[in-house]
PDB file of N, CA and C in Angstrom:
ATOM      1  N   MET A   1       2.883 -16.669  -6.524  1.00  0.00           N
ATOM      2  CA  MET A   1       2.312 -15.813  -7.527  1.00  0.00           C
ATOM      3  C   MET A   1       3.218 -14.599  -7.696  1.00  0.00           C
ATOM      4  N   ALA A   2       3.581 -14.272  -8.903  1.00  0.00           N
ATOM      5  CA  ALA A   2       4.423 -13.103  -9.170  1.00  0.00           C
ATOM      6  C   ALA A   2       3.609 -11.835  -8.985  1.00  0.00           C
ATOM      7  N   ARG A   3       4.228 -10.845  -8.411  1.00  0.00           N
ATOM      8  CA  ARG A   3       3.547  -9.582  -8.181  1.00  0.00           C
ATOM      9  C   ARG A   3       4.314  -8.475  -8.891  1.00  0.00           C
ATOM     10  N   SER A   4       3.566  -7.541  -9.452  1.00  0.00           N
ATOM     11  CA  SER A   4       4.217  -6.362  -9.986  1.00  0.00           C
ATOM     12  C   SER A   4       4.469  -5.411  -8.822  1.00  0.00           C
ATOM     13  N   SER A   5       5.053  -4.272  -9.071  1.00  0.00           N
ATOM     14  CA  SER A   5       5.568  -3.479  -7.961  1.00  0.00           C
ATOM     15  C   SER A   5       4.687  -2.338  -7.476  1.00  0.00           C
ATOM     16  N   HIS A   6       3.583  -2.032  -8.118  1.00  0.00           N
ATOM     17  CA  HIS A   6       2.819  -0.856  -7.708  1.00  0.00           C
ATOM     18  C   HIS A   6       1.314  -1.076  -7.839  1.00  0.00           C
ATOM     19  N   LEU A   7       0.557  -0.236  -7.174  1.00  0.00           N
ATOM     20  CA  LEU A   7      -0.898  -0.285  -7.192  1.00  0.00           C
ATOM     21  C   LEU A   7      -1.426   1.129  -7.226  1.00  0.00           C
ATOM     22  N   SER A   8      -2.448   1.373  -8.000  1.00  0.00           N
ATOM     23  CA  SER A   8      -3.053   2.701  -8.037  1.00  0.00           C
ATOM     24  C   SER A   8      -4.523   2.583  -7.702  1.00  0.00           C
ATOM     25  N   LEU A   9      -4.946   3.265  -6.656  1.00  0.00           N
ATOM     26  CA  LEU A   9      -6.357   3.254  -6.275  1.00  0.00           C
ATOM     27  C   LEU A   9      -7.058   4.547  -6.630  1.00  0.00           C
ATOM     28  N   VAL A  10      -6.323   5.619  -6.722  1.00  0.00           N
ATOM     29  CA  VAL A  10      -6.911   6.919  -7.017  1.00  0.00           C
ATOM     30  C   VAL A  10      -6.090   7.587  -8.103  1.00  0.00           C
ATOM     31  N   PRO A  11      -6.734   8.478  -8.882  1.00  0.00           N
ATOM     32  CA  PRO A  11      -5.989   9.173  -9.928  1.00  0.00           C
ATOM     33  C   PRO A  11      -4.926  10.096  -9.344  1.00  0.00           C
ATOM     34  N   GLU A  12      -3.913  10.401 -10.139  1.00  0.00           N
ATOM     35  CA  GLU A  12      -2.836  11.290  -9.706  1.00  0.00           C
ATOM     36  C   GLU A  12      -3.344  12.676  -9.329  1.00  0.00           C
ATOM     37  N   SER A  13      -4.514  13.080  -9.800  1.00  0.00           N
ATOM     38  CA  SER A  13      -5.008  14.435  -9.552  1.00  0.00           C
ATOM     39  C   SER A  13      -5.560  14.643  -8.145  1.00  0.00           C
ATOM     40  N   VAL A  14      -5.664  13.610  -7.354  1.00  0.00           N
ATOM     41  CA  VAL A  14      -6.177  13.765  -5.995  1.00  0.00           C
ATOM     42  C   VAL A  14      -5.218  14.646  -5.210  1.00  0.00           C
ATOM     43  N   GLU A  15      -5.744  15.712  -4.600  1.00  0.00           N
ATOM     44  CA  GLU A  15      -4.891  16.681  -3.923  1.00  0.00           C
ATOM     45  C   GLU A  15      -4.528  16.276  -2.504  1.00  0.00           C
ATOM     46  N   ASN A  16      -5.393  15.558  -1.811  1.00  0.00           N
ATOM     47  CA  ASN A  16      -5.171  15.260  -0.401  1.00  0.00           C
ATOM     48  C   ASN A  16      -4.679  13.825  -0.234  1.00  0.00           C
ATOM     49  N   ILE A  17      -3.435  13.586  -0.587  1.00  0.00           N
ATOM     50  CA  ILE A  17      -2.850  12.257  -0.454  1.00  0.00           C
ATOM     51  C   ILE A  17      -2.219  12.146   0.926  1.00  0.00           C
ATOM     52  N   ALA A  18      -2.754  11.236   1.752  1.00  0.00           N
ATOM     53  CA  ALA A  18      -2.267  11.092   3.123  1.00  0.00           C
ATOM     54  C   ALA A  18      -1.295   9.933   3.265  1.00  0.00           C
ATOM     55  N   LEU A  19      -1.382   8.969   2.372  1.00  0.00           N
ATOM     56  CA  LEU A  19      -0.534   7.785   2.467  1.00  0.00           C
ATOM     57  C   LEU A  19      -0.230   7.302   1.061  1.00  0.00           C
ATOM     58  N   THR A  20       1.012   7.075   0.780  1.00  0.00           N
ATOM     59  CA  THR A  20       1.429   6.511  -0.495  1.00  0.00           C
ATOM     60  C   THR A  20       2.198   5.232  -0.208  1.00  0.00           C
ATOM     61  N   ILE A  21       1.799   4.146  -0.855  1.00  0.00           N
ATOM     62  CA  ILE A  21       2.539   2.896  -0.736  1.00  0.00           C
ATOM     63  C   ILE A  21       3.211   2.651  -2.072  1.00  0.00           C
ATOM     64  N   ASP A  22       4.512   2.650  -2.070  1.00  0.00           N
ATOM     65  CA  ASP A  22       5.300   2.398  -3.267  1.00  0.00           C
ATOM     66  C   ASP A  22       6.206   1.216  -2.947  1.00  0.00           C
ATOM     67  N   CYS A  23       5.919   0.082  -3.529  1.00  0.00           N
ATOM     68  CA  CYS A  23       6.671  -1.133  -3.210  1.00  0.00           C
ATOM     69  C   CYS A  23       8.161  -0.963  -3.453  1.00  0.00           C
ATOM     70  N   GLU A  24       8.531  -0.126  -4.413  1.00  0.00           N
ATOM     71  CA  GLU A  24       9.947   0.124  -4.682  1.00  0.00           C
ATOM     72  C   GLU A  24      10.621   0.814  -3.502  1.00  0.00           C
ATOM     73  N   GLU A  25       9.851   1.432  -2.622  1.00  0.00           N
ATOM     74  CA  GLU A  25      10.388   2.132  -1.458  1.00  0.00           C
ATOM     75  C   GLU A  25      10.218   1.339  -0.164  1.00  0.00           C
ATOM     76  N   CYS A  26       9.632   0.165  -0.229  1.00  0.00           N
ATOM     77  CA  CYS A  26       9.351  -0.628   0.973  1.00  0.00           C
ATOM     78  C   CYS A  26      10.551  -1.508   1.343  1.00  0.00           C
ATOM     79  N   VAL A  27      10.930  -1.472   2.612  1.00  0.00           N
ATOM     80  CA  VAL A  27      12.099  -2.232   3.064  1.00  0.00           C
ATOM     81  C   VAL A  27      11.859  -3.743   3.083  1.00  0.00           C
ATOM     82  N   VAL A  28      10.620  -4.190   3.039  1.00  0.00           N
ATOM     83  CA  VAL A  28      10.354  -5.631   3.037  1.00  0.00           C
ATOM     84  C   VAL A  28       9.931  -6.147   1.662  1.00  0.00           C
ATOM     85  N   GLN A  29      10.198  -5.354   0.615  1.00  0.00           N
ATOM     86  CA  GLN A  29       9.896  -5.786  -0.748  1.00  0.00           C
ATOM     87  C   GLN A  29      10.635  -7.084  -1.056  1.00  0.00           C
ATOM     88  N   PHE A  30       9.965  -7.981  -1.770  1.00  0.00           N
ATOM     89  CA  PHE A  30      10.509  -9.275  -2.189  1.00  0.00           C
ATOM     90  C   PHE A  30      10.744 -10.226  -1.019  1.00  0.00           C
ATOM     91  N   THR A  31      10.006 -10.045   0.068  1.00  0.00           N
ATOM     92  CA  THR A  31      10.066 -10.978   1.189  1.00  0.00           C
ATOM     93  C   THR A  31       8.696 -11.630   1.343  1.00  0.00           C
ATOM     94  N   ASP A  32       8.577 -12.546   2.298  1.00  0.00           N
ATOM     95  CA  ASP A  32       7.286 -13.185   2.565  1.00  0.00           C
ATOM     96  C   ASP A  32       6.237 -12.182   3.020  1.00  0.00           C
ATOM     97  N   ALA A  33       6.661 -11.022   3.494  1.00  0.00           N
ATOM     98  CA  ALA A  33       5.711 -10.000   3.935  1.00  0.00           C
ATOM     99  C   ALA A  33       4.798  -9.553   2.801  1.00  0.00           C
ATOM    100  N   CYS A  34       5.262  -9.631   1.575  1.00  0.00           N
ATOM    101  CA  CYS A  34       4.440  -9.241   0.427  1.00  0.00           C
ATOM    102  C   CYS A  34       3.216 -10.150   0.273  1.00  0.00           C
ATOM    103  N   ASP A  35       3.327 -11.398   0.737  1.00  0.00           N
ATOM    104  CA  ASP A  35       2.250 -12.367   0.543  1.00  0.00           C
ATOM    105  C   ASP A  35       0.945 -11.966   1.214  1.00  0.00           C
ATOM    106  N   ASP A  36       1.014 -11.280   2.361  1.00  0.00           N
ATOM    107  CA  ASP A  36      -0.228 -10.857   3.007  1.00  0.00           C
ATOM    108  C   ASP A  36      -0.240  -9.356   3.292  1.00  0.00           C
ATOM    109  N   CYS A  37       0.465  -8.610   2.470  1.00  0.00           N
ATOM    110  CA  CYS A  37       0.448  -7.151   2.571  1.00  0.00           C
ATOM    111  C   CYS A  37      -0.979  -6.656   2.316  1.00  0.00           C
ATOM    112  N   VAL A  38      -1.378  -5.605   3.013  1.00  0.00           N
ATOM    113  CA  VAL A  38      -2.725  -5.060   2.835  1.00  0.00           C
ATOM    114  C   VAL A  38      -2.983  -4.697   1.374  1.00  0.00           C
ATOM    115  N   VAL A  39      -1.960  -4.313   0.661  1.00  0.00           N
ATOM    116  CA  VAL A  39      -2.121  -3.986  -0.753  1.00  0.00           C
ATOM    117  C   VAL A  39      -2.638  -5.187  -1.534  1.00  0.00           C
ATOM    118  N   SER A  40      -2.186  -6.377  -1.162  1.00  0.00           N
ATOM    119  CA  SER A  40      -2.629  -7.590  -1.846  1.00  0.00           C
ATOM    120  C   SER A  40      -4.120  -7.825  -1.684  1.00  0.00           C
ATOM    121  N   TYR A  41      -4.708  -7.308  -0.621  1.00  0.00           N
ATOM    122  CA  TYR A  41      -6.136  -7.467  -0.380  1.00  0.00           C
ATOM    123  C   TYR A  41      -6.974  -6.484  -1.179  1.00  0.00           C
ATOM    124  N   LEU A  42      -6.375  -5.474  -1.718  1.00  0.00           N
ATOM    125  CA  LEU A  42      -7.136  -4.432  -2.399  1.00  0.00           C
ATOM    126  C   LEU A  42      -7.303  -4.718  -3.883  1.00  0.00           C
ATOM    127  N   ILE A  43      -6.229  -4.729  -4.614  1.00  0.00           N
ATOM    128  CA  ILE A  43      -6.275  -5.023  -6.051  1.00  0.00           C
ATOM    129  C   ILE A  43      -4.904  -5.493  -6.509  1.00  0.00           C
ATOM    130  N   GLU A  44      -4.844  -6.063  -7.663  1.00  0.00           N
ATOM    131  CA  GLU A  44      -3.552  -6.406  -8.254  1.00  0.00           C
ATOM    132  C   GLU A  44      -2.888  -5.100  -8.663  1.00  0.00           C
ATOM    133  N   ARG A  45      -1.604  -5.042  -8.485  1.00  0.00           N
ATOM    134  CA  ARG A  45      -0.877  -3.805  -8.744  1.00  0.00           C
ATOM    135  C   ARG A  45      -0.502  -3.652 -10.209  1.00  0.00           C
ATOM    136  N   GLU A  46      -0.454  -2.412 -10.657  1.00  0.00           N
ATOM    137  CA  GLU A  46      -0.017  -2.088 -12.004  1.00  0.00           C
ATOM    138  C   GLU A  46       1.416  -1.560 -11.926  1.00  0.00           C
ATOM    139  N   PRO A  47       2.300  -2.035 -12.782  1.00  0.00           N
ATOM    140  CA  PRO A  47       3.693  -1.586 -12.736  1.00  0.00           C
ATOM    141  C   PRO A  47       3.824  -0.073 -12.901  1.00  0.00           C
ATOM    142  N   GLY A  48       4.718   0.508 -12.122  1.00  0.00           N
ATOM    143  CA  GLY A  48       5.047   1.917 -12.275  1.00  0.00           C
ATOM    144  C   GLY A  48       4.153   2.911 -11.567  1.00  0.00           C
ATOM    145  N   THR A  49       3.151   2.443 -10.823  1.00  0.00           N
ATOM    146  CA  THR A  49       2.232   3.359 -10.163  1.00  0.00           C
ATOM    147  C   THR A  49       2.129   3.028  -8.683  1.00  0.00           C
ATOM    148  N   PRO A  50       2.572   3.941  -7.790  1.00  0.00           N
ATOM    149  CA  PRO A  50       2.460   3.681  -6.352  1.00  0.00           C
ATOM    150  C   PRO A  50       1.009   3.753  -5.880  1.00  0.00           C
ATOM    151  N   VAL A  51       0.744   3.196  -4.730  1.00  0.00           N
ATOM    152  CA  VAL A  51      -0.581   3.262  -4.111  1.00  0.00           C
ATOM    153  C   VAL A  51      -0.685   4.583  -3.370  1.00  0.00           C
ATOM    154  N   LYS A  52      -1.758   5.313  -3.592  1.00  0.00           N
ATOM    155  CA  LYS A  52      -1.969   6.581  -2.896  1.00  0.00           C
ATOM    156  C   LYS A  52      -3.361   6.566  -2.282  1.00  0.00           C
ATOM    157  N   PHE A  53      -3.441   6.866  -0.996  1.00  0.00           N
ATOM    158  CA  PHE A  53      -4.703   6.882  -0.273  1.00  0.00           C
ATOM    159  C   PHE A  53      -4.984   8.283   0.250  1.00  0.00           C
ATOM    160  N   ALA A  54      -6.224   8.710   0.170  1.00  0.00           N
ATOM    161  CA  ALA A  54      -6.655   9.939   0.829  1.00  0.00           C
ATOM    162  C   ALA A  54      -6.808   9.634   2.321  1.00  0.00           C
ATOM    163  N   ASP A  55      -6.945  10.669   3.139  1.00  0.00           N
ATOM    164  CA  ASP A  55      -7.045  10.482   4.593  1.00  0.00           C
ATOM    165  C   ASP A  55      -8.139   9.490   4.986  1.00  0.00           C
ATOM    166  N   ASP A  56      -9.333   9.625   4.395  1.00  0.00           N
ATOM    167  CA  ASP A  56     -10.439   8.743   4.783  1.00  0.00           C
ATOM    168  C   ASP A  56     -10.171   7.295   4.375  1.00  0.00           C
ATOM    169  N   GLU A  57      -9.525   7.092   3.244  1.00  0.00           N
ATOM    170  CA  GLU A  57      -9.183   5.738   2.814  1.00  0.00           C
ATOM    171  C   GLU A  57      -8.119   5.126   3.729  1.00  0.00           C
ATOM    172  N   ARG A  58      -7.114   5.905   4.060  1.00  0.00           N
ATOM    173  CA  ARG A  58      -6.065   5.435   4.973  1.00  0.00           C
ATOM    174  C   ARG A  58      -6.673   5.056   6.316  1.00  0.00           C
ATOM    175  N   HIS A  59      -7.581   5.892   6.809  1.00  0.00           N
ATOM    176  CA  HIS A  59      -8.231   5.617   8.093  1.00  0.00           C
ATOM    177  C   HIS A  59      -9.056   4.328   8.019  1.00  0.00           C
ATOM    178  N   ALA A  60      -9.765   4.127   6.920  1.00  0.00           N
ATOM    179  CA  ALA A  60     -10.566   2.907   6.756  1.00  0.00           C
ATOM    180  C   ALA A  60      -9.679   1.662   6.779  1.00  0.00           C
ATOM    181  N   ILE A  61      -8.543   1.726   6.122  1.00  0.00           N
ATOM    182  CA  ILE A  61      -7.619   0.589   6.116  1.00  0.00           C
ATOM    183  C   ILE A  61      -7.078   0.337   7.514  1.00  0.00           C
ATOM    184  N   GLU A  62      -6.752   1.410   8.230  1.00  0.00           N
ATOM    185  CA  GLU A  62      -6.269   1.253   9.606  1.00  0.00           C
ATOM    186  C   GLU A  62      -7.337   0.615  10.496  1.00  0.00           C
ATOM    187  N   LEU A  63      -8.615   0.992  10.301  1.00  0.00           N
ATOM    188  CA  LEU A  63      -9.707   0.399  11.080  1.00  0.00           C
ATOM    189  C   LEU A  63      -9.876  -1.083  10.747  1.00  0.00           C
ATOM    190  N   LEU A  64      -9.795  -1.423   9.467  1.00  0.00           N
ATOM    191  CA  LEU A  64      -9.890  -2.830   9.070  1.00  0.00           C
ATOM    192  C   LEU A  64      -8.765  -3.644   9.699  1.00  0.00           C
ATOM    193  N   ALA A  65      -7.562  -3.087   9.689  1.00  0.00           N
ATOM    194  CA  ALA A  65      -6.420  -3.786  10.287  1.00  0.00           C
ATOM    195  C   ALA A  65      -6.586  -3.905  11.799  1.00  0.00           C
ATOM    196  N   ALA A  66      -7.051  -2.843  12.448  1.00  0.00           N
ATOM    197  CA  ALA A  66      -7.242  -2.869  13.900  1.00  0.00           C
ATOM    198  C   ALA A  66      -8.291  -3.903  14.303  1.00  0.00           C
ATOM    199  N   ALA A  67      -9.272  -4.128  13.417  1.00  0.00           N
ATOM    200  CA  ALA A  67     -10.320  -5.112  13.689  1.00  0.00           C
ATOM    201  C   ALA A  67      -9.886  -6.530  13.314  1.00  0.00           C
ATOM    202  N   GLY A  68      -8.698  -6.668  12.739  1.00  0.00           N
ATOM    203  CA  GLY A  68      -8.210  -7.984  12.351  1.00  0.00           C
ATOM    204  C   GLY A  68      -8.780  -8.499  11.047  1.00  0.00           C
ATOM    205  N   LEU A  69      -9.411  -7.628  10.265  1.00  0.00           N
ATOM    206  CA  LEU A  69     -10.020  -8.052   9.005  1.00  0.00           C
ATOM    207  C   LEU A  69      -9.018  -8.119   7.859  1.00  0.00           C
ATOM    208  N   VAL A  70      -7.981  -7.331   7.939  1.00  0.00           N
ATOM    209  CA  VAL A  70      -6.870  -7.379   6.984  1.00  0.00           C
ATOM    210  C   VAL A  70      -5.589  -7.197   7.789  1.00  0.00           C
ATOM    211  N   PRO A  71      -4.476  -7.679   7.290  1.00  0.00           N
ATOM    212  CA  PRO A  71      -3.224  -7.447   8.018  1.00  0.00           C
ATOM    213  C   PRO A  71      -2.851  -5.969   7.953  1.00  0.00           C
ATOM    214  N   PRO A  72      -2.153  -5.473   8.946  1.00  0.00           N
ATOM    215  CA  PRO A  72      -1.719  -4.073   8.905  1.00  0.00           C
ATOM    216  C   PRO A  72      -0.677  -3.875   7.809  1.00  0.00           C
ATOM    217  N   SER A  73      -0.564  -2.651   7.368  1.00  0.00           N
ATOM    218  CA  SER A  73       0.451  -2.336   6.364  1.00  0.00           C
ATOM    219  C   SER A  73       1.837  -2.576   6.940  1.00  0.00           C
ATOM    220  N   ARG A  74       2.659  -3.234   6.176  1.00  0.00           N
ATOM    221  CA  ARG A  74       4.052  -3.457   6.576  1.00  0.00           C
ATOM    222  C   ARG A  74       4.986  -2.490   5.866  1.00  0.00           C
ATOM    223  N   PHE A  75       4.412  -1.616   5.073  1.00  0.00           N
ATOM    224  CA  PHE A  75       5.223  -0.665   4.316  1.00  0.00           C
ATOM    225  C   PHE A  75       5.990   0.257   5.246  1.00  0.00           C
ATOM    226  N   ARG A  76       7.268   0.387   4.987  1.00  0.00           N
ATOM    227  CA  ARG A  76       8.133   1.339   5.680  1.00  0.00           C
ATOM    228  C   ARG A  76       8.996   1.977   4.607  1.00  0.00           C
ATOM    229  N   SER A  77       8.941   3.279   4.498  1.00  0.00           N
ATOM    230  CA  SER A  77       9.657   3.981   3.447  1.00  0.00           C
ATOM    231  C   SER A  77      11.167   3.871   3.614  1.00  0.00           C
ATOM    232  N   ARG A  78      11.846   3.657   2.504  1.00  0.00           N
ATOM    233  CA  ARG A  78      13.309   3.668   2.520  1.00  0.00           C
ATOM    234  C   ARG A  78      13.826   5.087   2.694  1.00  0.00           C
ATOM    235  N   ASP A  79      13.019   6.070   2.278  1.00  0.00           N
ATOM    236  CA  ASP A  79      13.396   7.476   2.382  1.00  0.00           C
ATOM    237  C   ASP A  79      12.882   8.030   3.698  1.00  0.00           C
ATOM    238  N   VAL A  80      13.584   7.730   4.780  1.00  0.00           N
ATOM    239  CA  VAL A  80      13.153   8.120   6.122  1.00  0.00           C
ATOM    240  C   VAL A  80      13.597   9.538   6.449  1.00  0.00           C
ATOM    241  N   GLY A  81      14.598  10.049   5.755  1.00  0.00           N
ATOM    242  CA  GLY A  81      15.208  11.337   6.034  1.00  0.00           C
ATOM    243  C   GLY A  81      14.301  12.467   5.881  1.00  0.00           C
TER     244      GLY A  81
END
């Protein structure tokens, strides 16, 4: 299944962004890792919009992954500096 590159869960106006997933910045983009990325479990992505999570949303995803209900995020930013 072809995937677009971004997902938006919250509007840009959210002030407390704790985690942003931008597939264009992920080192495993276009690999098999995309097939079961946690983003795939949430919604289909819209081109041009990164995924942004507030602290409570990020924590909920981490709890789901820790419980084995969804795979953990494989996102690793290319901009490590």
